[in-house]
Amino acid sequence: MLIKALTCTPLPRARLKLGFSDGTEGVVDLSALLESEGEMVAPLREPAYFDRVFLEAGAPTWPNGFDLAPWALHAELKAAGQLEAASQNA
């Protein structure tokens, strides 16, 4: 099954709360990514810009076109034991 993000909420300190198509959710910390070099990542270091994240075809995406693979984020959270069943009132 191809995993997509169904919900995406920016959180303080470069984190995203993601709800996935398999009924799980988790919080991914992107602070290490934002410390990396690259002109696509640089704007995301500004909290107001980071907060402009939206979903495009199930992938967290920013206005400059930078996006993240939802299945990779899901796998990272699963490997770290940080996925849980999505809350019913979300």
Protein backbone atom coordinates (compact mmCIF):
# COMPACT_ATOMS: atom_id res chain seq x y z
CA MET A 1 0.00 0.00 0.00
CA LEU A 2 1.33 3.42 -0.95
CA ILE A 3 1.37 5.64 2.13
CA LYS A 4 0.18 9.24 1.79
CA ALA A 5 -0.16 12.01 4.32
CA LEU A 6 -3.79 13.00 4.84
CA THR A 7 -3.14 15.70 7.43
CA CYS A 8 -0.14 17.90 8.09
CA THR A 9 0.17 20.37 10.95
CA PRO A 10 3.32 22.44 11.49
CA LEU A 11 4.57 22.50 15.08
CA PRO A 12 7.22 24.60 16.83
CA ARG A 13 10.89 23.64 16.53
CA ALA A 14 10.70 22.41 12.91
CA ARG A 15 8.30 19.54 13.51
CA LEU A 16 5.30 18.28 11.55
CA LYS A 17 2.39 16.29 12.91
CA LEU A 18 1.35 13.94 10.12
CA GLY A 19 -1.72 11.75 9.74
CA PHE A 20 -1.20 8.90 7.29
CA SER A 21 -3.50 6.97 4.97
CA ASP A 22 -3.04 3.76 6.99
CA GLY A 23 -4.74 5.33 10.02
CA THR A 24 -1.56 6.17 11.92
CA GLU A 25 -0.07 9.49 12.95
CA GLY A 26 3.20 10.79 14.31
CA VAL A 27 5.39 13.83 14.75
CA VAL A 28 8.51 14.09 12.61
CA ASP A 29 11.40 16.33 13.65
CA LEU A 30 12.94 18.07 10.64
CA SER A 31 15.51 20.12 12.56
CA ALA A 32 18.45 18.06 11.25
CA LEU A 33 17.20 18.48 7.67
CA LEU A 34 16.94 22.24 8.13
CA GLU A 35 20.57 22.36 9.24
CA SER A 36 21.67 20.87 5.90
CA GLU A 37 22.91 22.98 3.01
CA GLY A 38 20.81 23.78 -0.01
CA GLU A 39 18.80 26.59 -1.46
CA MET A 40 15.53 24.63 -1.32
CA VAL A 41 15.88 24.00 2.42
CA ALA A 42 17.09 27.49 3.37
CA PRO A 43 13.65 29.21 3.35
CA LEU A 44 12.24 26.54 5.67
CA ARG A 45 14.54 27.75 8.46
CA GLU A 46 12.25 30.77 8.87
CA PRO A 47 9.39 29.61 11.12
CA ALA A 48 6.75 31.63 9.27
CA TYR A 49 7.78 30.00 5.98
CA PHE A 50 7.99 26.53 7.54
CA ASP A 51 4.41 27.00 8.73
CA ARG A 52 3.26 27.47 5.11
CA VAL A 53 3.50 23.71 4.55
CA PHE A 54 0.59 22.13 2.67
CA LEU A 55 -0.20 18.72 1.20
CA GLU A 56 0.17 18.11 -2.50
CA ALA A 57 -0.66 14.60 -3.73
CA GLY A 58 -0.22 13.37 -0.15
CA ALA A 59 3.25 14.87 0.33
CA PRO A 60 4.20 17.71 2.70
CA THR A 61 5.17 20.55 0.36
CA TRP A 62 6.27 24.18 0.67
CA PRO A 63 5.61 27.10 -1.71
CA ASN A 64 9.12 26.84 -3.22
CA GLY A 65 8.34 23.30 -4.42
CA PHE A 66 10.36 21.47 -1.76
CA ASP A 67 8.53 18.31 -0.71
CA LEU A 68 9.05 15.23 1.40
CA ALA A 69 8.16 11.62 0.57
CA PRO A 70 5.34 10.62 2.92
CA TRP A 71 6.21 6.92 2.76
CA ALA A 72 9.78 7.69 3.85
CA LEU A 73 8.55 9.82 6.76
CA HIS A 74 6.16 7.01 7.74
CA ALA A 75 8.97 4.43 7.60
CA GLU A 76 11.24 6.66 9.70
CA LEU A 77 8.56 7.13 12.36
CA LYS A 78 7.68 3.41 12.33
CA ALA A 79 11.32 2.37 12.74
CA ALA A 80 11.64 4.75 15.70
CA GLY A 81 8.45 3.42 17.31
CA GLN A 82 6.81 6.84 17.00
CA LEU A 83 3.64 5.95 15.10
CA GLU A 84 0.32 5.57 16.86
CA ALA A 85 -3.29 5.06 15.85
CA ALA A 86 -4.78 8.35 14.69
CA SER A 87 -7.13 9.97 17.16
CA GLN A 88 -10.78 9.82 16.17
CA ASN A 89 -11.43 13.53 16.78
CA ALA A 90 -8.68 14.76 14.46
